[in-house]
C-alpha atoms as a PDB file:
ATOM      1  CA  MET A   1    -112.773 -87.808 158.374  1.00  0.00           C
ATOM      2  CA  THR A   2    -115.574 -90.053 158.478  1.00  0.00           C
ATOM      3  CA  LYS A   3    -118.392 -88.988 156.319  1.00  0.00           C
ATOM      4  CA  LEU A   4    -121.914 -90.116 156.972  1.00  0.00           C
ATOM      5  CA  SER A   5    -124.277 -91.374 154.123  1.00  0.00           C
ATOM      6  CA  SER A   6    -126.267 -88.440 152.434  1.00  0.00           C
ATOM      7  CA  ILE A   7    -129.203 -90.768 152.134  1.00  0.00           C
ATOM      8  CA  PRO A   8    -131.606 -89.266 155.379  1.00  0.00           C
ATOM      9  CA  VAL A   9    -132.395 -91.333 157.523  1.00  0.00           C
ATOM     10  CA  HIS A  10    -135.702 -90.130 159.954  1.00  0.00           C
ATOM     11  CA  ALA A  11    -134.311 -88.706 163.481  1.00  0.00           C
ATOM     12  CA  LYS A  12    -136.984 -91.579 165.404  1.00  0.00           C
ATOM     13  CA  ARG A  13    -135.526 -94.130 163.510  1.00  0.00           C
ATOM     14  CA  MET A  14    -131.552 -93.135 163.677  1.00  0.00           C
ATOM     15  CA  GLY A  15    -132.550 -92.967 167.702  1.00  0.00           C
ATOM     16  CA  ILE A  16    -133.376 -96.510 167.382  1.00  0.00           C
ATOM     17  CA  PHE A  17    -130.200 -97.500 165.622  1.00  0.00           C
ATOM     18  CA  ILE A  18    -127.815 -95.918 168.161  1.00  0.00           C
ATOM     19  CA  SER A  19    -129.940 -97.468 170.964  1.00  0.00           C
ATOM     20  CA  ASN A  20    -129.077-100.376 169.372  1.00  0.00           C
ATOM     21  CA  LEU A  21    -125.247 -99.598 169.138  1.00  0.00           C
ATOM     22  CA  TRP A  22    -125.110 -98.883 172.963  1.00  0.00           C
ATOM     23  CA  ASN A  23    -127.162-102.298 173.587  1.00  0.00           C
ATOM     24  CA  ALA A  24    -124.555-104.258 171.474  1.00  0.00           C
ATOM     25  CA  ILE A  25    -121.372-102.574 173.157  1.00  0.00           C
ATOM     26  CA  THR A  26    -123.353-103.288 176.506  1.00  0.00           C
ATOM     27  CA  LEU A  27    -123.565-107.062 175.719  1.00  0.00           C
ATOM     28  CA  ILE A  28    -119.661-107.726 174.902  1.00  0.00           C
ATOM     29  CA  GLU A  29    -118.346-109.973 177.446  1.00  0.00           C
ATOM     30  CA  ASN A  30    -114.479-109.361 177.892  1.00  0.00           C
ATOM     31  CA  ARG A  31    -111.424-107.307 176.059  1.00  0.00           C
ATOM     32  CA  ASP A  32    -111.013-109.983 173.563  1.00  0.00           C
ATOM     33  CA  GLU A  33    -114.779-109.899 172.430  1.00  0.00           C
ATOM     34  CA  THR A  34    -114.553-105.858 172.668  1.00  0.00           C
ATOM     35  CA  ALA A  35    -111.459-105.768 170.644  1.00  0.00           C
ATOM     36  CA  ASN A  36    -113.310-108.307 168.015  1.00  0.00           C
ATOM     37  CA  PHE A  37    -116.373-106.169 167.999  1.00  0.00           C
ATOM     38  CA  PHE A  38    -115.009-102.861 167.474  1.00  0.00           C
ATOM     39  CA  ARG A  39    -112.451-104.123 164.678  1.00  0.00           C
ATOM     40  CA  ALA A  40    -115.734-105.417 162.733  1.00  0.00           C
ATOM     41  CA  LEU A  41    -117.336-102.670 162.835  1.00  0.00           C
ATOM     42  CA  LEU A  42    -114.949 -99.581 162.718  1.00  0.00           C
ATOM     43  CA  THR A  43    -112.280 -99.491 160.095  1.00  0.00           C
ATOM     44  CA  PRO A  44    -108.489 -98.960 161.588  1.00  0.00           C
ATOM     45  CA  THR A  45    -108.925 -95.135 160.823  1.00  0.00           C
ATOM     46  CA  GLU A  46    -111.792 -94.846 163.002  1.00  0.00           C
ATOM     47  CA  ILE A  47    -110.415 -97.205 165.980  1.00  0.00           C
ATOM     48  CA  ARG A  48    -106.903 -94.936 165.549  1.00  0.00           C
ATOM     49  CA  MET A  49    -108.953 -91.670 166.183  1.00  0.00           C
ATOM     50  CA  MET A  50    -110.667 -92.977 169.387  1.00  0.00           C
ATOM     51  CA  ALA A  51    -107.522 -94.406 170.620  1.00  0.00           C
ATOM     52  CA  LYS A  52    -105.748 -91.276 170.196  1.00  0.00           C
ATOM     53  CA  ARG A  53    -109.114 -89.478 171.765  1.00  0.00           C
ATOM     54  CA  VAL A  54    -108.538 -91.911 174.848  1.00  0.00           C
ATOM     55  CA  GLN A  55    -104.801 -91.366 175.026  1.00  0.00           C
ATOM     56  CA  ILE A  56    -105.530 -87.223 174.775  1.00  0.00           C
ATOM     57  CA  ALA A  57    -107.963 -87.378 177.650  1.00  0.00           C
ATOM     58  CA  LYS A  58    -105.821 -89.830 179.808  1.00  0.00           C
ATOM     59  CA  MET A  59    -102.988 -87.198 179.443  1.00  0.00           C
ATOM     60  CA  LEU A  60    -104.771 -84.060 180.147  1.00  0.00           C
ATOM     61  CA  LEU A  61    -106.023 -85.900 183.361  1.00  0.00           C
ATOM     62  CA  GLU A  62    -102.382 -86.515 184.002  1.00  0.00           C
ATOM     63  CA  GLY A  63    -101.636 -83.061 183.647  1.00  0.00           C
ATOM     64  CA  TYR A  64     -99.792 -82.914 180.771  1.00  0.00           C
ATOM     65  CA  LYS A  65     -99.642 -79.671 178.713  1.00  0.00           C
ATOM     66  CA  TYR A  66    -101.151 -79.109 175.220  1.00  0.00           C
ATOM     67  CA  GLU A  67     -97.479 -78.997 173.834  1.00  0.00           C
ATOM     68  CA  ASP A  68     -96.571 -82.399 175.187  1.00  0.00           C
ATOM     69  CA  ILE A  69     -99.710 -83.942 173.991  1.00  0.00           C
ATOM     70  CA  ARG A  70     -99.416 -82.708 170.672  1.00  0.00           C
ATOM     71  CA  ASN A  71     -95.905 -83.940 170.147  1.00  0.00           C
ATOM     72  CA  PHE A  72     -96.401 -87.208 171.769  1.00  0.00           C
ATOM     73  CA  ILE A  73     -99.623 -88.224 170.000  1.00  0.00           C
ATOM     74  CA  ARG A  74     -99.238 -86.067 166.749  1.00  0.00           C
ATOM     75  CA  VAL A  75    -102.748 -84.316 166.899  1.00  0.00           C
ATOM     76  CA  THR A  76    -103.574 -80.597 166.710  1.00  0.00           C
ATOM     77  CA  ASP A  77    -104.467 -78.213 169.530  1.00  0.00           C
ATOM     78  CA  ARG A  78    -107.809 -78.287 167.990  1.00  0.00           C
ATOM     79  CA  THR A  79    -108.486 -82.206 168.836  1.00  0.00           C
ATOM     80  CA  ILE A  80    -106.816 -81.781 172.365  1.00  0.00           C
ATOM     81  CA  SER A  81    -109.396 -78.785 172.915  1.00  0.00           C
ATOM     82  CA  SER A  82    -112.036 -80.608 171.992  1.00  0.00           C
ATOM     83  CA  VAL A  83    -111.496 -83.598 174.391  1.00  0.00           C
ATOM     84  CA  ASN A  84    -110.872 -81.069 177.027  1.00  0.00           C
ATOM     85  CA  ASN A  85    -113.986 -79.492 176.531  1.00  0.00           C
ATOM     86  CA  GLN A  86    -115.401 -83.089 176.621  1.00  0.00           C
ATOM     87  CA  LEU A  87    -113.807 -83.889 180.068  1.00  0.00           C
ATOM     88  CA  GLN A  88    -114.473 -80.318 181.379  1.00  0.00           C
ATOM     89  CA  PHE A  89    -117.933 -79.665 180.552  1.00  0.00           C
ATOM     90  CA  GLY A  90    -119.364 -83.265 179.797  1.00  0.00           C
ATOM     91  CA  GLU A  91    -121.413 -85.419 181.734  1.00  0.00           C
ATOM     92  CA  GLY A  92    -118.714 -86.702 183.681  1.00  0.00           C
ATOM     93  CA  SER A  93    -118.762 -90.404 182.370  1.00  0.00           C
ATOM     94  CA  TYR A  94    -115.739 -89.694 179.904  1.00  0.00           C
ATOM     95  CA  VAL A  95    -113.890 -88.561 183.222  1.00  0.00           C
ATOM     96  CA  LYS A  96    -114.907 -91.594 185.078  1.00  0.00           C
ATOM     97  CA  THR A  97    -113.939 -93.772 182.501  1.00  0.00           C
ATOM     98  CA  ILE A  98    -110.287 -92.631 181.979  1.00  0.00           C
ATOM     99  CA  GLU A  99    -109.596 -92.026 185.880  1.00  0.00           C
ATOM    100  CA  ARG A 100    -110.522 -96.168 185.870  1.00  0.00           C
ATOM    101  CA  LEU A 101    -108.053 -96.754 183.214  1.00  0.00           C
ATOM    102  CA  ILE A 102    -105.202 -94.632 184.932  1.00  0.00           C
ATOM    103  CA  LYS A 103    -106.358 -96.662 188.404  1.00  0.00           C
ATOM    104  CA  ILE A 104    -105.537 -99.901 186.229  1.00  0.00           C
ATOM    105  CA  GLU A 105    -102.389 -98.853 184.930  1.00  0.00           C
ATOM    106  CA  ILE A 106    -101.548 -97.682 188.245  1.00  0.00           C
ATOM    107  CA  LYS A 107    -102.268-101.165 190.115  1.00  0.00           C
ATOM    108  CA  GLN A 108    -100.428-102.780 187.197  1.00  0.00           C
ATOM    109  CA  GLN A 109     -97.285-101.036 187.817  1.00  0.00           C
ATOM    110  CA  GLU A 110     -97.688-101.740 191.463  1.00  0.00           C
ATOM    111  CA  ARG A 111     -97.837-105.002 191.164  1.00  0.00           C
ATOM    112  CA  LEU A 112     -95.241-105.196 188.607  1.00  0.00           C
ATOM    113  CA  GLU A 113     -93.062-103.110 191.490  1.00  0.00           C
ATOM    114  CA  GLY A 114     -93.991-105.939 194.287  1.00  0.00           C
ATOM    115  CA  LYS A 115     -92.998-109.094 192.102  1.00  0.00           C
ATOM    116  CA  SER A 116     -89.104-108.390 190.764  1.00  0.00           C
ATOM    117  CA  SER A 117     -87.116-105.522 189.434  1.00  0.00           C
ATOM    118  CA  ILE A 118     -86.641-104.806 185.755  1.00  0.00           C
ATOM    119  CA  LEU A 119     -83.158-104.999 186.660  1.00  0.00           C
ATOM    120  CA  ASP A 120     -83.337-108.708 188.026  1.00  0.00           C
ATOM    121  CA  THR A 121     -84.810-109.972 184.504  1.00  0.00           C
ATOM    122  CA  GLY A 122     -83.883-107.743 181.908  1.00  0.00           C
ATOM    123  CA  PRO A 123     -81.873-108.852 178.811  1.00  0.00           C
ATOM    124  CA  TYR A 124     -79.983-105.744 178.437  1.00  0.00           C
ATOM    125  CA  THR A 125     -76.146-105.903 179.363  1.00  0.00           C
ATOM    126  CA  GLY A 126     -73.298-103.261 179.010  1.00  0.00           C
ATOM    127  CA  LYS A 127     -71.841-100.355 180.492  1.00  0.00           C
ATOM    128  CA  GLY A 128     -74.352 -97.793 181.872  1.00  0.00           C
ATOM    129  CA  THR A 129     -77.084-100.134 181.386  1.00  0.00           C
ATOM    130  CA  SER A 130     -78.181-100.214 184.953  1.00  0.00           C
ATOM    131  CA  GLU A 131     -77.925 -96.673 185.305  1.00  0.00           C
ATOM    132  CA  TRP A 132     -80.100 -96.508 182.010  1.00  0.00           C
ATOM    133  CA  LEU A 133     -82.859 -98.426 183.387  1.00  0.00           C
ATOM    134  CA  LEU A 134     -82.848 -97.016 187.155  1.00  0.00           C
ATOM    135  CA  GLY A 135     -83.545 -93.431 185.681  1.00  0.00           C
ATOM    136  CA  LYS A 136     -86.424 -95.273 183.298  1.00  0.00           C
ATOM    137  CA  VAL A 137     -87.910 -96.886 186.379  1.00  0.00           C
ATOM    138  CA  ALA A 138     -87.383 -93.728 188.776  1.00  0.00           C
ATOM    139  CA  ALA A 139     -89.087 -91.693 185.797  1.00  0.00           C
ATOM    140  CA  LYS A 140     -92.293 -93.837 185.645  1.00  0.00           C
ATOM    141  CA  GLY A 141     -92.212 -93.615 189.486  1.00  0.00           C
ATOM    142  CA  LEU A 142     -92.618 -90.052 189.235  1.00  0.00           C
ATOM    143  CA  ASN A 143     -95.133 -90.003 186.498  1.00  0.00           C
ATOM    144  CA  TYR A 144     -97.379 -92.551 188.373  1.00  0.00           C
ATOM    145  CA  LEU A 145     -96.970 -90.075 191.496  1.00  0.00           C
ATOM    146  CA  LYS A 146     -98.249 -87.443 189.461  1.00  0.00           C
ATOM    147  CA  ARG A 147    -101.285 -89.221 188.290  1.00  0.00           C
ATOM    148  CA  LYS A 148    -102.300 -89.995 191.610  1.00  0.00           C
ATOM    149  CA  SER A 149    -102.195 -86.527 192.596  1.00  0.00           C
ATOM    150  CA  VAL A 150    -103.964 -85.311 189.129  1.00  0.00           C
ATOM    151  CA  ILE A 151    -106.780 -87.722 190.143  1.00  0.00           C
ATOM    152  CA  THR A 152    -107.184 -86.732 193.821  1.00  0.00           C
ATOM    153  CA  ASP A 153    -107.284 -82.941 192.478  1.00  0.00           C
ATOM    154  CA  ILE A 154    -110.148 -83.766 190.248  1.00  0.00           C
ATOM    155  CA  LYS A 155    -112.005 -85.518 192.681  1.00  0.00           C
ATOM    156  CA  GLU A 156    -111.655 -82.828 195.304  1.00  0.00           C
ATOM    157  CA  SER A 157    -112.738 -79.947 192.754  1.00  0.00           C
ATOM    158  CA  SER A 158    -115.706 -82.340 191.537  1.00  0.00           C
ATOM    159  CA  LYS A 159    -117.136 -82.210 195.352  1.00  0.00           C
END
């Protein structure tokens, strides 16, 4: 776990530091710049910790059970619960941001489905391959439908 320096900083000064952090993040212009900024600012472990929390939030909003999340992401129930509490009782920006992420993924998937089938361009060959791929594509389609219904349920319950 990341630790804060034991040398105390006055609360007002720390407030200025945190404000500067928010301002710096707001000034980032694109995805590559964002990635470079966070790679320079955070340790690889801190980046992995943040990425896991985003994935937990995403899976919770998609309706996954704690057990599935725990096994897929390799985190404890305590971490999942902490993220879940932020989603349920936080001020709402966490949910909005993760919903935007899910919408982007849905749009990307819809674009991919509209262009060409994975069966048309896939490098896989051999007996049973097309059935396996069809199963994978069908499972992903069901997953995206599930996401849409979870997002709709959340929006309706927040009204």
